[in-house]
């Protein structure tokens, strides 16, 4: 089953995180959403997964399949 990777902003430190769906810990943290998106694209492509990009308020901005 393909994995889904979520990009969201952390409330505690303001960093952007990339998390595998269902995971407790982030794979990696970034200062900008753009950096997080680039990283998540590479991971998702290698794992035949997809990404979900969240806005700062947590709502979904875009889903890439």
N, C-alpha and C. Protein backbone atom coordinates (compact mmCIF):
# COMPACT_ATOMS: atom_id res chain seq x y z
N UNK A 1 0.84 -1.19 0.00
CA UNK A 1 0.00 0.00 0.00
C UNK A 1 0.89 1.25 0.00
N UNK A 2 0.54 2.20 -0.82
CA UNK A 2 1.34 3.43 -0.93
C UNK A 2 1.21 4.27 0.33
N UNK A 3 2.32 4.86 0.71
CA UNK A 3 2.33 5.71 1.90
C UNK A 3 1.94 7.13 1.52
N UNK A 4 1.36 7.81 2.49
CA UNK A 4 1.03 9.23 2.32
C UNK A 4 1.89 10.03 3.28
N UNK A 5 2.47 11.09 2.76
CA UNK A 5 3.33 11.96 3.55
C UNK A 5 2.65 13.32 3.70
N UNK A 6 2.56 13.77 4.93
CA UNK A 6 1.89 15.03 5.23
C UNK A 6 2.92 16.11 5.54
N UNK A 7 2.69 17.29 4.97
CA UNK A 7 3.53 18.45 5.22
C UNK A 7 2.68 19.43 6.03
N UNK A 8 3.14 19.74 7.23
CA UNK A 8 2.36 20.64 8.09
C UNK A 8 3.30 21.47 8.95
N UNK A 9 2.74 22.56 9.48
CA UNK A 9 3.53 23.45 10.34
C UNK A 9 3.32 23.06 11.79
N UNK A 10 4.43 22.94 12.51
CA UNK A 10 4.36 22.60 13.92
C UNK A 10 4.00 23.84 14.74
N UNK A 11 3.15 23.65 15.72
CA UNK A 11 2.73 24.78 16.55
C UNK A 11 3.79 25.18 17.57
N UNK A 12 4.58 24.22 18.05
CA UNK A 12 5.52 24.51 19.12
C UNK A 12 6.73 25.34 18.68
N UNK A 13 7.30 25.04 17.52
CA UNK A 13 8.50 25.77 17.09
C UNK A 13 8.37 26.47 15.74
N UNK A 14 7.22 26.33 15.08
CA UNK A 14 6.99 27.02 13.82
C UNK A 14 7.67 26.42 12.61
N UNK A 15 8.30 25.27 12.78
CA UNK A 15 8.97 24.62 11.65
C UNK A 15 7.97 23.78 10.85
N UNK A 16 8.31 23.56 9.58
CA UNK A 16 7.51 22.70 8.71
C UNK A 16 8.03 21.28 8.83
N UNK A 17 7.12 20.32 8.96
CA UNK A 17 7.51 18.93 9.14
C UNK A 17 6.96 18.06 8.02
N UNK A 18 7.67 16.99 7.75
CA UNK A 18 7.20 15.95 6.83
C UNK A 18 7.01 14.71 7.68
N UNK A 19 5.77 14.20 7.70
CA UNK A 19 5.45 13.03 8.50
C UNK A 19 4.78 11.99 7.63
N UNK A 20 5.11 10.74 7.87
CA UNK A 20 4.40 9.64 7.23
C UNK A 20 3.07 9.50 7.95
N UNK A 21 2.01 9.27 7.20
CA UNK A 21 0.68 9.16 7.80
C UNK A 21 0.67 8.10 8.89
N UNK A 22 0.17 8.48 10.06
CA UNK A 22 0.09 7.56 11.19
C UNK A 22 1.30 7.55 12.09
N UNK A 23 2.38 8.22 11.68
CA UNK A 23 3.61 8.24 12.48
C UNK A 23 3.52 9.30 13.57
N UNK A 24 4.21 9.05 14.67
CA UNK A 24 4.24 10.03 15.75
C UNK A 24 5.30 11.10 15.53
N UNK A 25 6.44 10.69 14.98
CA UNK A 25 7.55 11.62 14.79
C UNK A 25 7.69 12.03 13.33
N UNK A 26 8.18 13.24 13.14
CA UNK A 26 8.44 13.75 11.79
C UNK A 26 9.66 13.08 11.20
N UNK A 27 9.66 12.89 9.88
CA UNK A 27 10.85 12.39 9.19
C UNK A 27 11.95 13.43 9.20
N UNK A 28 11.55 14.69 8.97
CA UNK A 28 12.53 15.77 8.89
C UNK A 28 11.81 17.10 9.09
N UNK A 29 12.55 18.11 9.60
CA UNK A 29 12.01 19.44 9.84
C UNK A 29 12.68 20.45 8.92
N UNK A 30 11.91 21.49 8.56
CA UNK A 30 12.41 22.52 7.63
C UNK A 30 11.96 23.89 8.08
N UNK A 31 12.72 24.91 7.66
CA UNK A 31 12.37 26.29 7.98
C UNK A 31 11.27 26.82 7.07
N UNK A 32 11.19 26.29 5.83
CA UNK A 32 10.17 26.77 4.89
C UNK A 32 9.32 25.62 4.37
N UNK A 33 8.12 25.97 3.96
CA UNK A 33 7.22 24.96 3.39
C UNK A 33 7.78 24.45 2.06
N UNK A 34 8.40 25.33 1.30
CA UNK A 34 8.96 24.94 0.01
C UNK A 34 10.00 23.84 0.16
N UNK A 35 10.89 23.97 1.15
CA UNK A 35 11.91 22.95 1.40
C UNK A 35 11.26 21.62 1.78
N UNK A 36 10.22 21.70 2.60
CA UNK A 36 9.51 20.49 3.04
C UNK A 36 8.84 19.80 1.86
N UNK A 37 8.26 20.58 0.95
CA UNK A 37 7.58 20.02 -0.22
C UNK A 37 8.60 19.29 -1.12
N UNK A 38 9.74 19.91 -1.37
CA UNK A 38 10.76 19.29 -2.21
C UNK A 38 11.23 17.96 -1.62
N UNK A 39 11.47 17.95 -0.32
CA UNK A 39 11.90 16.71 0.35
C UNK A 39 10.81 15.64 0.26
N UNK A 40 9.58 16.03 0.54
CA UNK A 40 8.47 15.06 0.53
C UNK A 40 8.24 14.50 -0.88
N UNK A 41 8.40 15.32 -1.90
CA UNK A 41 8.25 14.83 -3.28
C UNK A 41 9.27 13.73 -3.57
N UNK A 42 10.50 13.95 -3.16
CA UNK A 42 11.55 12.95 -3.40
C UNK A 42 11.26 11.66 -2.65
N UNK A 43 10.86 11.77 -1.39
CA UNK A 43 10.56 10.58 -0.60
C UNK A 43 9.37 9.83 -1.19
N UNK A 44 8.31 10.57 -1.53
CA UNK A 44 7.09 9.95 -2.07
C UNK A 44 7.37 9.27 -3.41
N UNK A 45 8.18 9.91 -4.25
CA UNK A 45 8.51 9.30 -5.54
C UNK A 45 9.28 8.00 -5.36
N UNK A 46 10.21 7.98 -4.42
CA UNK A 46 10.99 6.77 -4.15
C UNK A 46 10.14 5.65 -3.56
N UNK A 47 9.12 6.00 -2.81
CA UNK A 47 8.27 5.02 -2.13
C UNK A 47 6.95 4.77 -2.87
N UNK A 48 6.80 5.38 -4.05
CA UNK A 48 5.54 5.32 -4.80
C UNK A 48 4.37 5.77 -3.93
N UNK A 49 4.60 6.82 -3.19
CA UNK A 49 3.58 7.36 -2.29
C UNK A 49 3.00 8.66 -2.81
N UNK A 50 2.28 9.34 -1.95
CA UNK A 50 1.68 10.62 -2.31
C UNK A 50 1.92 11.61 -1.17
N UNK A 51 1.71 12.89 -1.47
CA UNK A 51 1.88 13.91 -0.44
C UNK A 51 0.61 14.71 -0.26
N UNK A 52 0.43 15.19 0.96
CA UNK A 52 -0.69 16.06 1.31
C UNK A 52 -0.07 17.31 1.94
N UNK A 53 -0.36 18.46 1.34
CA UNK A 53 0.22 19.72 1.82
C UNK A 53 -0.84 20.47 2.62
N UNK A 54 -0.49 20.82 3.85
CA UNK A 54 -1.41 21.54 4.72
C UNK A 54 -1.04 23.02 4.78
N UNK A 55 -2.05 23.87 4.98
CA UNK A 55 -1.82 25.29 5.19
C UNK A 55 -1.34 25.49 6.63
N UNK A 56 -0.96 26.72 6.96
CA UNK A 56 -0.49 27.00 8.31
C UNK A 56 -1.56 26.69 9.36
N UNK A 57 -2.84 26.84 9.01
CA UNK A 57 -3.92 26.58 9.98
C UNK A 57 -4.27 25.09 10.08
N UNK A 58 -3.61 24.26 9.29
CA UNK A 58 -3.84 22.82 9.36
C UNK A 58 -4.78 22.27 8.30
N UNK A 59 -5.54 23.15 7.64
CA UNK A 59 -6.44 22.67 6.58
C UNK A 59 -5.62 22.23 5.37
N UNK A 60 -6.22 21.41 4.53
CA UNK A 60 -5.49 20.87 3.37
C UNK A 60 -5.43 21.90 2.26
N UNK A 61 -4.22 22.16 1.79
CA UNK A 61 -3.99 23.07 0.67
C UNK A 61 -4.04 22.35 -0.65
N UNK A 62 -3.36 21.19 -0.69
CA UNK A 62 -3.26 20.45 -1.96
C UNK A 62 -2.92 19.01 -1.68
N UNK A 63 -3.45 18.12 -2.50
CA UNK A 63 -3.09 16.72 -2.43
C UNK A 63 -2.49 16.33 -3.77
N UNK A 64 -1.35 15.67 -3.72
CA UNK A 64 -0.67 15.22 -4.93
C UNK A 64 -0.69 13.70 -4.92
N UNK A 65 -1.17 13.11 -6.00
CA UNK A 65 -1.24 11.65 -6.04
C UNK A 65 -0.14 11.11 -6.91
